[in-house]
C-alpha atoms as a PDB file:
ATOM      1  CA  MET A   1     -19.273   6.774 -11.853  1.00  0.00           C
ATOM      2  CA  ARG A   2     -18.758   3.331 -12.686  1.00  0.00           C
ATOM      3  CA  ALA A   3     -15.508   2.691 -10.827  1.00  0.00           C
ATOM      4  CA  VAL A   4     -17.259   3.827  -7.230  1.00  0.00           C
ATOM      5  CA  LYS A   5     -21.355   2.820  -7.581  1.00  0.00           C
ATOM      6  CA  LYS A   6     -20.811  -0.465  -5.702  1.00  0.00           C
ATOM      7  CA  ILE A   7     -17.978   1.015  -2.725  1.00  0.00           C
ATOM      8  CA  ASN A   8     -19.322   0.389   1.092  1.00  0.00           C
ATOM      9  CA  LEU A   9     -18.102   3.589   2.782  1.00  0.00           C
ATOM     10  CA  GLU A  10     -17.135   1.946   6.087  1.00  0.00           C
ATOM     11  CA  LYS A  11     -14.292   0.009   4.749  1.00  0.00           C
ATOM     12  CA  ILE A  12     -12.468   2.889   3.097  1.00  0.00           C
ATOM     13  CA  LEU A  13      -9.153   4.017   5.014  1.00  0.00           C
ATOM     14  CA  PHE A  14      -9.329   7.681   3.835  1.00  0.00           C
ATOM     15  CA  ILE A  15      -5.568   9.015   3.442  1.00  0.00           C
ATOM     16  CA  SER A  16      -3.375  11.919   3.302  1.00  0.00           C
ATOM     17  CA  ILE A  17      -0.433  13.296   3.780  1.00  0.00           C
ATOM     18  CA  GLU A  18       1.906  16.673   3.839  1.00  0.00           C
ATOM     19  CA  THR A  19       5.538  16.979   3.042  1.00  0.00           C
ATOM     20  CA  VAL A  20       8.458  19.290   3.955  1.00  0.00           C
ATOM     21  CA  PRO A  21      11.975  19.937   3.535  1.00  0.00           C
ATOM     22  CA  GLN A  22      14.580  17.801   4.837  1.00  0.00           C
ATOM     23  CA  GLU A  23      16.564  21.111   6.046  1.00  0.00           C
ATOM     24  CA  THR A  24      15.485  24.643   6.117  1.00  0.00           C
ATOM     25  CA  GLU A  25      17.489  25.771   3.470  1.00  0.00           C
ATOM     26  CA  LEU A  26      19.938  24.384   1.232  1.00  0.00           C
ATOM     27  CA  ALA A  27      24.109  23.919   2.074  1.00  0.00           C
ATOM     28  CA  LYS A  28      26.286  25.556  -0.007  1.00  0.00           C
ATOM     29  CA  GLU A  29      28.513  23.009  -0.657  1.00  0.00           C
ATOM     30  CA  GLY A  30      28.918  18.869  -0.318  1.00  0.00           C
ATOM     31  CA  LEU A  31      26.350  15.978  -1.541  1.00  0.00           C
ATOM     32  CA  MET A  32      23.041  17.362  -0.566  1.00  0.00           C
ATOM     33  CA  HIS A  33      24.049  20.394  -2.662  1.00  0.00           C
ATOM     34  CA  ASN A  34      25.869  18.869  -5.358  1.00  0.00           C
ATOM     35  CA  SER A  35      22.737  16.351  -5.668  1.00  0.00           C
ATOM     36  CA  TRP A  36      19.845  19.124  -5.608  1.00  0.00           C
ATOM     37  CA  SER A  37      22.200  21.120  -8.298  1.00  0.00           C
ATOM     38  CA  GLU A  38      21.977  17.964 -10.996  1.00  0.00           C
ATOM     39  CA  ARG A  39      17.922  17.423 -10.233  1.00  0.00           C
ATOM     40  CA  VAL A  40      16.783  21.036  -9.971  1.00  0.00           C
ATOM     41  CA  ASP A  41      18.982  23.779 -11.663  1.00  0.00           C
ATOM     42  CA  ASP A  42      17.767  26.522  -9.180  1.00  0.00           C
ATOM     43  CA  SER A  43      18.889  26.731  -5.434  1.00  0.00           C
ATOM     44  CA  ASP A  44      16.990  29.385  -4.664  1.00  0.00           C
ATOM     45  CA  SER A  45      13.971  26.817  -5.558  1.00  0.00           C
ATOM     46  CA  TYR A  46      15.207  24.417  -2.786  1.00  0.00           C
ATOM     47  CA  THR A  47      13.007  24.886   0.432  1.00  0.00           C
ATOM     48  CA  GLU A  48       9.695  24.856  -1.893  1.00  0.00           C
ATOM     49  CA  THR A  49      10.362  22.225  -4.106  1.00  0.00           C
ATOM     50  CA  ALA A  50      12.585  19.731  -1.761  1.00  0.00           C
ATOM     51  CA  PRO A  51       8.977  18.484  -0.394  1.00  0.00           C
ATOM     52  CA  LEU A  52       8.005  17.009  -3.677  1.00  0.00           C
ATOM     53  CA  PHE A  53      10.921  14.676  -3.713  1.00  0.00           C
ATOM     54  CA  ALA A  54      11.494  11.991  -1.085  1.00  0.00           C
ATOM     55  CA  GLU A  55      15.003  12.293  -1.748  1.00  0.00           C
ATOM     56  CA  PHE A  56      15.197  15.943  -0.338  1.00  0.00           C
ATOM     57  CA  GLY A  57      11.962  15.771   1.374  1.00  0.00           C
ATOM     58  CA  LYS A  58      10.224  14.165   3.979  1.00  0.00           C
ATOM     59  CA  ILE A  59       6.774  13.390   5.768  1.00  0.00           C
ATOM     60  CA  PHE A  60       5.194  15.966   8.665  1.00  0.00           C
ATOM     61  CA  CYS A  61       2.424  14.344   9.123  1.00  0.00           C
ATOM     62  CA  VAL A  62      -0.071  11.333   7.820  1.00  0.00           C
ATOM     63  CA  SER A  63      -3.886  12.211   8.544  1.00  0.00           C
ATOM     64  CA  LEU A  64      -6.329   8.733   8.111  1.00  0.00           C
ATOM     65  CA  GLY A  65     -10.218   9.156   7.833  1.00  0.00           C
ATOM     66  CA  TYR A  66     -12.508   6.048   8.561  1.00  0.00           C
ATOM     67  CA  VAL A  67     -16.046   6.413   8.527  1.00  0.00           C
ATOM     68  CA  LYS A  68     -18.770   4.946  11.435  1.00  0.00           C
ATOM     69  CA  ASN A  69     -22.113   5.929  11.839  1.00  0.00           C
ATOM     70  CA  HIS A  70     -21.999   7.919   8.785  1.00  0.00           C
ATOM     71  CA  HIS A  71     -19.912  10.248  10.341  1.00  0.00           C
ATOM     72  CA  LEU A  72     -16.036  10.842   9.792  1.00  0.00           C
ATOM     73  CA  ASN A  73     -13.549  10.081  11.917  1.00  0.00           C
ATOM     74  CA  ILE A  74     -10.197  11.813  11.051  1.00  0.00           C
ATOM     75  CA  LYS A  75      -6.724  10.921  13.150  1.00  0.00           C
ATOM     76  CA  THR A  76      -3.514  12.230  12.680  1.00  0.00           C
ATOM     77  CA  ILE A  77       0.302  11.179  13.089  1.00  0.00           C
ATOM     78  CA  GLN A  78       3.112  13.327  12.976  1.00  0.00           C
ATOM     79  CA  GLY A  79       5.702  13.852  15.099  1.00  0.00           C
ATOM     80  CA  ASP A  80       9.385  11.504  14.349  1.00  0.00           C
ATOM     81  CA  GLU A  81       8.946  10.667  10.339  1.00  0.00           C
ATOM     82  CA  LYS A  82      10.083   6.773  11.508  1.00  0.00           C
ATOM     83  CA  GLU A  83       7.388   6.985  14.229  1.00  0.00           C
ATOM     84  CA  ILE A  84       4.790   8.330  11.630  1.00  0.00           C
ATOM     85  CA  LEU A  85       5.421   5.850   9.255  1.00  0.00           C
ATOM     86  CA  GLU A  86       5.686   2.263  11.456  1.00  0.00           C
ATOM     87  CA  THR A  87       2.227   4.170  13.808  1.00  0.00           C
ATOM     88  CA  THR A  88       0.737   4.381  10.233  1.00  0.00           C
ATOM     89  CA  TYR A  89       1.214   1.167   8.835  1.00  0.00           C
ATOM     90  CA  LYS A  90       0.185  -0.641  12.341  1.00  0.00           C
ATOM     91  CA  MET A  91      -3.028   1.792  11.839  1.00  0.00           C
ATOM     92  CA  VAL A  92      -3.854   0.409   8.316  1.00  0.00           C
ATOM     93  CA  ASP A  93      -3.542  -3.267   9.947  1.00  0.00           C
ATOM     94  CA  ALA A  94      -5.559  -2.709  12.698  1.00  0.00           C
ATOM     95  CA  PHE A  95      -8.286  -1.244  10.263  1.00  0.00           C
ATOM     96  CA  ARG A  96      -7.320  -4.447   7.751  1.00  0.00           C
ATOM     97  CA  ARG A  97      -8.159  -7.142  10.780  1.00  0.00           C
ATOM     98  CA  THR A  98     -11.353  -5.152  12.145  1.00  0.00           C
ATOM     99  CA  TRP A  99     -12.836  -4.821   8.512  1.00  0.00           C
ATOM    100  CA  GLY A 100     -11.333  -7.938   6.884  1.00  0.00           C
ATOM    101  CA  SER A 101     -10.136  -5.587   3.823  1.00  0.00           C
ATOM    102  CA  LEU A 102      -9.960  -1.978   3.062  1.00  0.00           C
ATOM    103  CA  THR A 103      -9.409   0.520   0.400  1.00  0.00           C
ATOM    104  CA  LEU A 104      -7.399   3.356   0.330  1.00  0.00           C
ATOM    105  CA  CYS A 105      -8.695   6.453  -0.877  1.00  0.00           C
ATOM    106  CA  GLY A 106      -7.293   9.858  -1.281  1.00  0.00           C
ATOM    107  CA  HIS A 107      -6.403  12.207  -4.232  1.00  0.00           C
ATOM    108  CA  SER A 108      -3.235  11.721  -6.112  1.00  0.00           C
ATOM    109  CA  LEU A 109      -2.298   8.128  -4.532  1.00  0.00           C
ATOM    110  CA  LYS A 110      -1.075   6.556  -6.715  1.00  0.00           C
ATOM    111  CA  GLY A 111       1.140   9.050  -8.385  1.00  0.00           C
ATOM    112  CA  PHE A 112       2.882  10.612  -5.310  1.00  0.00           C
ATOM    113  CA  ALA A 113       1.796   9.460  -1.715  1.00  0.00           C
ATOM    114  CA  ILE A 114       1.887   5.652  -1.769  1.00  0.00           C
ATOM    115  CA  PRO A 115       5.063   6.304  -3.567  1.00  0.00           C
ATOM    116  CA  TYR A 116       6.147   8.842  -1.866  1.00  0.00           C
ATOM    117  CA  VAL A 117       5.733   6.414   1.927  1.00  0.00           C
ATOM    118  CA  MET A 118       7.007   3.619   0.187  1.00  0.00           C
ATOM    119  CA  ARG A 119      10.151   5.211  -0.826  1.00  0.00           C
ATOM    120  CA  ARG A 120      10.692   7.219   2.802  1.00  0.00           C
ATOM    121  CA  SER A 121      10.525   4.252   4.286  1.00  0.00           C
ATOM    122  CA  VAL A 122      13.576   2.294   2.912  1.00  0.00           C
ATOM    123  CA  ILE A 123      15.309   5.407   3.384  1.00  0.00           C
ATOM    124  CA  ASN A 124      14.356   4.965   7.092  1.00  0.00           C
ATOM    125  CA  ASP A 125      15.305   1.132   6.924  1.00  0.00           C
ATOM    126  CA  ILE A 126      11.157   0.048   7.528  1.00  0.00           C
ATOM    127  CA  SER A 127       9.737  -2.335   6.219  1.00  0.00           C
ATOM    128  CA  VAL A 128       7.224  -1.571   3.209  1.00  0.00           C
ATOM    129  CA  HIS A 129       3.991  -2.279   4.075  1.00  0.00           C
ATOM    130  CA  GLU A 130       2.322  -4.615   1.133  1.00  0.00           C
ATOM    131  CA  LEU A 131       0.287  -1.616   0.271  1.00  0.00           C
ATOM    132  CA  PHE A 132       2.006   0.662  -0.323  1.00  0.00           C
ATOM    133  CA  ASP A 133       4.723  -1.622  -1.908  1.00  0.00           C
ATOM    134  CA  VAL A 134       3.761  -0.655  -5.862  1.00  0.00           C
ATOM    135  CA  SER A 135       7.822  -0.801  -7.108  1.00  0.00           C
ATOM    136  CA  GLY A 136       7.386  -2.669 -10.081  1.00  0.00           C
ATOM    137  CA  LEU A 137       3.231  -2.585 -10.932  1.00  0.00           C
ATOM    138  CA  LYS A 138       1.368  -0.768 -13.177  1.00  0.00           C
ATOM    139  CA  PRO A 139      -1.188   1.889 -12.280  1.00  0.00           C
ATOM    140  CA  TRP A 140      -4.037  -0.399 -13.234  1.00  0.00           C
ATOM    141  CA  ASP A 141      -2.740  -3.066 -11.234  1.00  0.00           C
ATOM    142  CA  ILE A 142      -3.387  -1.437  -7.736  1.00  0.00           C
ATOM    143  CA  ASN A 143      -6.831  -2.344  -7.774  1.00  0.00           C
ATOM    144  CA  TRP A 144      -7.138  -1.567  -3.812  1.00  0.00           C
ATOM    145  CA  ILE A 145      -6.496   2.249  -3.768  1.00  0.00           C
ATOM    146  CA  LEU A 146      -9.186   4.920  -5.447  1.00  0.00           C
ATOM    147  CA  ASP A 147      -7.438   7.658  -6.380  1.00  0.00           C
ATOM    148  CA  ILE A 148      -9.714  10.576  -6.768  1.00  0.00           C
ATOM    149  CA  LYS A 149      -7.304  12.465  -9.250  1.00  0.00           C
ATOM    150  CA  ASP A 150      -7.635   9.281 -11.236  1.00  0.00           C
ATOM    151  CA  LEU A 151     -11.339   8.917 -11.077  1.00  0.00           C
ATOM    152  CA  TRP A 152     -11.831  12.789 -11.992  1.00  0.00           C
ATOM    153  CA  GLN A 153      -9.629  12.371 -14.933  1.00  0.00           C
ATOM    154  CA  GLY A 154     -11.100   9.292 -16.640  1.00  0.00           C
ATOM    155  CA  SER A 155     -10.038   9.095 -20.239  1.00  0.00           C
ATOM    156  CA  SER A 156      -8.681  12.393 -20.332  1.00  0.00           C
ATOM    157  CA  PRO A 157      -5.020  13.882 -20.125  1.00  0.00           C
ATOM    158  CA  VAL A 158      -6.194  16.493 -18.259  1.00  0.00           C
ATOM    159  CA  SER A 159      -7.110  16.040 -14.366  1.00  0.00           C
ATOM    160  CA  ALA A 160      -7.072  18.662 -11.432  1.00  0.00           C
ATOM    161  CA  PRO A 161      -5.888  19.326  -8.419  1.00  0.00           C
ATOM    162  CA  LEU A 162      -7.647  18.571  -4.647  1.00  0.00           C
ATOM    163  CA  LEU A 163      -8.545  22.752  -4.462  1.00  0.00           C
ATOM    164  CA  SER A 164      -9.644  22.864  -7.516  1.00  0.00           C
ATOM    165  CA  LEU A 165     -12.309  20.090  -7.181  1.00  0.00           C
ATOM    166  CA  ALA A 166     -13.176  21.327  -3.576  1.00  0.00           C
ATOM    167  CA  HIS A 167     -14.218  24.454  -5.736  1.00  0.00           C
ATOM    168  CA  ALA A 168     -15.693  22.649  -8.000  1.00  0.00           C
ATOM    169  CA  PHE A 169     -17.828  20.653  -5.726  1.00  0.00           C
ATOM    170  CA  ASN A 170     -18.871  23.907  -3.524  1.00  0.00           C
ATOM    171  CA  LEU A 171     -16.820  22.998  -0.685  1.00  0.00           C
ATOM    172  CA  ASP A 172     -16.563  26.048   1.112  1.00  0.00           C
ATOM    173  CA  TYR A 173     -14.646  24.489   4.067  1.00  0.00           C
ATOM    174  CA  ALA A 174     -11.482  24.530   1.992  1.00  0.00           C
ATOM    175  CA  GLU A 175     -10.880  27.829   1.629  1.00  0.00           C
ATOM    176  CA  SER A 176      -9.519  27.443   5.668  1.00  0.00           C
ATOM    177  CA  ILE A 177      -6.851  25.916   4.199  1.00  0.00           C
ATOM    178  CA  ILE A 178      -3.296  26.777   3.483  1.00  0.00           C
ATOM    179  CA  LEU A 179      -2.424  26.181  -0.123  1.00  0.00           C
ATOM    180  CA  GLY A 180       0.463  23.471  -1.183  1.00  0.00           C
ATOM    181  CA  LYS A 181       2.832  26.155  -2.483  1.00  0.00           C
ATOM    182  CA  ASP A 182       2.693  27.584   1.474  1.00  0.00           C
ATOM    183  CA  VAL A 183       3.321  24.728   3.364  1.00  0.00           C
ATOM    184  CA  ALA A 184       7.391  24.587   3.514  1.00  0.00           C
ATOM    185  CA  SER A 185       7.653  28.155   4.630  1.00  0.00           C
ATOM    186  CA  MET A 186       5.007  27.554   7.294  1.00  0.00           C
ATOM    187  CA  TYR A 187       7.333  24.601   7.822  1.00  0.00           C
ATOM    188  CA  VAL A 188      10.316  26.791   8.325  1.00  0.00           C
ATOM    189  CA  HIS A 189       8.532  29.036  10.220  1.00  0.00           C
ATOM    190  CA  GLU A 190       6.939  26.491  12.626  1.00  0.00           C
ATOM    191  CA  GLU A 191       3.706  27.079  11.829  1.00  0.00           C
ATOM    192  CA  TYR A 192       2.437  23.287  12.549  1.00  0.00           C
ATOM    193  CA  GLU A 193      -0.947  23.472  13.368  1.00  0.00           C
ATOM    194  CA  GLU A 194      -2.041  25.145   9.895  1.00  0.00           C
ATOM    195  CA  ILE A 195       0.009  22.196   8.427  1.00  0.00           C
ATOM    196  CA  THR A 196      -1.425  19.675  10.663  1.00  0.00           C
ATOM    197  CA  HIS A 197      -5.087  21.703   9.732  1.00  0.00           C
ATOM    198  CA  ARG A 198      -4.415  20.961   5.752  1.00  0.00           C
ATOM    199  CA  CYS A 199      -4.070  17.415   5.901  1.00  0.00           C
ATOM    200  CA  GLU A 200      -7.031  16.424   7.535  1.00  0.00           C
ATOM    201  CA  VAL A 201      -9.364  19.375   5.468  1.00  0.00           C
ATOM    202  CA  ASN A 202      -7.526  17.290   2.333  1.00  0.00           C
ATOM    203  CA  VAL A 203      -9.126  14.179   3.971  1.00  0.00           C
ATOM    204  CA  ARG A 204     -12.709  15.529   4.938  1.00  0.00           C
ATOM    205  CA  ILE A 205     -12.561  16.978   0.944  1.00  0.00           C
ATOM    206  CA  CYS A 206     -11.591  13.584  -0.258  1.00  0.00           C
ATOM    207  CA  HIS A 207     -14.343  12.024   1.757  1.00  0.00           C
ATOM    208  CA  ASP A 208     -16.863  14.235   0.748  1.00  0.00           C
ATOM    209  CA  ILE A 209     -15.990  14.528  -3.253  1.00  0.00           C
ATOM    210  CA  LEU A 210     -15.913  10.613  -2.978  1.00  0.00           C
ATOM    211  CA  LYS A 211     -19.709  10.088  -1.818  1.00  0.00           C
ATOM    212  CA  ARG A 212     -20.199  12.809  -4.693  1.00  0.00           C
ATOM    213  CA  MET A 213     -18.948  10.563  -6.760  1.00  0.00           C
ATOM    214  CA  ALA A 214     -20.698   7.780  -5.933  1.00  0.00           C
ATOM    215  CA  GLY A 215     -24.409   9.463  -6.070  1.00  0.00           C
ATOM    216  CA  ILE A 216     -24.124   8.509  -1.741  1.00  0.00           C
ATOM    217  CA  LYS A 217     -26.496  10.904   0.019  1.00  0.00           C
ATOM    218  CA  THR A 218     -26.613  10.007   3.450  1.00  0.00           C
ATOM    219  CA  ASP A 219     -30.387  10.645   5.102  1.00  0.00           C
ATOM    220  CA  TRP A 220     -30.724  13.637   7.046  1.00  0.00           C
ATOM    221  CA  LYS A 221     -31.554  11.522  10.336  1.00  0.00           C
ATOM    222  CA  ASP A 222     -28.266  10.185   9.799  1.00  0.00           C
ATOM    223  CA  GLU A 223     -26.521  13.877   9.398  1.00  0.00           C
ATOM    224  CA  ILE A 224     -27.703  14.991  12.723  1.00  0.00           C
ATOM    225  CA  LEU A 225     -26.763  12.205  15.220  1.00  0.00           C
ATOM    226  CA  ALA A 226     -23.274  12.249  13.304  1.00  0.00           C
ATOM    227  CA  ASN A 227     -23.167  16.300  13.626  1.00  0.00           C
ATOM    228  CA  ALA A 228     -24.801  15.675  17.422  1.00  0.00           C
ATOM    229  CA  GLU A 229     -21.223  13.149  17.801  1.00  0.00           C
ATOM    230  CA  LEU A 230     -23.330  10.650  19.057  1.00  0.00           C
ATOM    231  CA  GLY A 231     -24.579  12.344  22.605  1.00  0.00           C
ATOM    232  CA  THR A 232     -27.735  13.829  24.127  1.00  0.00           C
ATOM    233  CA  LEU A 233     -29.481  14.084  20.292  1.00  0.00           C
ATOM    234  CA  GLU A 234     -29.157  10.579  19.278  1.00  0.00           C
ATOM    235  CA  LYS A 235     -30.232   9.562  23.069  1.00  0.00           C
ATOM    236  CA  ALA A 236     -33.619  11.421  21.958  1.00  0.00           C
ATOM    237  CA  TYR A 237     -33.619   9.832  18.732  1.00  0.00           C
ATOM    238  CA  ASN A 238     -33.929   6.706  19.949  1.00  0.00           C
ATOM    239  CA  GLY A 239     -36.345   7.869  22.428  1.00  0.00           C
ATOM    240  CA  VAL A 240     -34.173   7.538  25.888  1.00  0.00           C
ATOM    241  CA  VAL A 241     -33.681  11.252  26.345  1.00  0.00           C
ATOM    242  CA  SER A 242     -34.085  11.964  30.039  1.00  0.00           C
ATOM    243  CA  VAL A 243     -35.429  15.012  31.669  1.00  0.00           C
ATOM    244  CA  LYS A 244     -31.852  16.108  33.090  1.00  0.00           C
ATOM    245  CA  ASP A 245     -31.059  16.031  29.114  1.00  0.00           C
ATOM    246  CA  ILE A 246     -33.813  17.988  27.731  1.00  0.00           C
ATOM    247  CA  GLY A 247     -31.512  21.596  28.726  1.00  0.00           C
ATOM    248  CA  ASP A 248     -28.166  20.053  26.476  1.00  0.00           C
ATOM    249  CA  LEU A 249     -30.399  18.889  24.029  1.00  0.00           C
ATOM    250  CA  LYS A 250     -31.975  22.286  23.444  1.00  0.00           C
ATOM    251  CA  ASP A 251     -28.367  23.609  22.926  1.00  0.00           C
ATOM    252  CA  LYS A 252     -27.039  21.298  20.397  1.00  0.00           C
ATOM    253  CA  LEU A 253     -30.261  21.983  18.145  1.00  0.00           C
ATOM    254  CA  SER A 254     -29.988  25.654  18.811  1.00  0.00           C
ATOM    255  CA  SER A 255     -26.063  25.380  17.839  1.00  0.00           C
ATOM    256  CA  MET A 256     -27.035  23.856  14.434  1.00  0.00           C
ATOM    257  CA  ASN A 257     -28.651  27.211  13.109  1.00  0.00           C
ATOM    258  CA  LEU A 258     -31.721  24.489  11.595  1.00  0.00           C
ATOM    259  CA  ASP A 259     -34.376  26.692  10.151  1.00  0.00           C
ATOM    260  CA  PRO A 260     -38.064  26.077  12.176  1.00  0.00           C
ATOM    261  CA  LYS A 261     -39.593  23.738  10.202  1.00  0.00           C
ATOM    262  CA  ALA A 262     -36.474  21.199  10.295  1.00  0.00           C
ATOM    263  CA  THR A 263     -36.092  21.358  13.797  1.00  0.00           C
ATOM    264  CA  LYS A 264     -40.316  21.040  14.593  1.00  0.00           C
ATOM    265  CA  ASP A 265     -39.551  17.562  11.589  1.00  0.00           C
ATOM    266  CA  ILE A 266     -36.607  16.337  13.981  1.00  0.00           C
ATOM    267  CA  LEU A 267     -37.923  16.689  17.045  1.00  0.00           C
ATOM    268  CA  ASP A 268     -41.526  15.304  15.772  1.00  0.00           C
ATOM    269  CA  THR A 269     -39.469  11.924  14.449  1.00  0.00           C
ATOM    270  CA  MET A 270     -37.446  11.810  18.013  1.00  0.00           C
ATOM    271  CA  PHE A 271     -40.293  12.061  20.377  1.00  0.00           C
ATOM    272  CA  LYS A 272     -43.498  10.664  17.821  1.00  0.00           C
ATOM    273  CA  GLY A 273     -44.761  14.033  18.101  1.00  0.00           C
ATOM    274  CA  ASP A 274     -45.079  14.619  21.795  1.00  0.00           C
ATOM    275  CA  ILE A 275     -42.586  17.018  21.741  1.00  0.00           C
ATOM    276  CA  PRO A 276     -41.835  18.435  25.805  1.00  0.00           C
ATOM    277  CA  ASN A 277     -43.327  21.510  26.089  1.00  0.00           C
ATOM    278  CA  GLU A 278     -39.256  23.014  27.174  1.00  0.00           C
ATOM    279  CA  LEU A 279     -38.054  22.699  23.168  1.00  0.00           C
ATOM    280  CA  ASN A 280     -41.186  24.733  21.760  1.00  0.00           C
ATOM    281  CA  GLY A 281     -39.654  27.290  21.714  1.00  0.00           C
ATOM    282  CA  LEU A 282     -36.797  26.294  19.074  1.00  0.00           C
ATOM    283  CA  PHE A 283     -39.488  26.153  15.976  1.00  0.00           C
END
């Protein structure tokens, strides 16, 4: 895809937000009830629908993802909404200072997440960060955002929900997340971990889809090091593994469920053909 051919994956900050209703149920009278009735002619839909509107919903958590050494790292911010927003802005600034520049990436950022953060910032009396201050801008003017939804839509009038893209790209790990329509109910029943998990998985989906769109193929050795979390396996690959690390290395490789040939190829590369006898049982 031409729009992402020259991206630098290590200067992209992936972002996802989860929103919930401000109240667990709609008041039976008063300004909130009247304003909701004026906007949505169905009081029964409040809990499920309120999170879609910044006037009636709030941000439950924000997940940020960044790539370092071919490994996707995810940080989730949650708690008091004002603190979530302030911390998110501080982290965005920290990444921008470190990288020099950054691009925000996510699904439906331009149409939902970015304006939602902007509106909730104003409501919480927080100065809107310039990368989230999109009021008055045309979608094509917001050139610091890679929106997965827009990239997939192209010139078509139809795009796709993120879960549909996860299906299309065969990202089976997405099976573990709750559906968007169930988030409000989970919040009401205080099942907070499921909501956080959904937010983090959404970041991972966006990362994996962007790589596919950009045609970025990670070398298998880099994947191995990333999955090993840069521990003993990295030391072995760099030729500095010690005898006391062999047992740990054997456990790590065993847990990765690789086929014998792949395991031998990895070990041959790591040890330049001189594989320790203790590891011969892995292939």
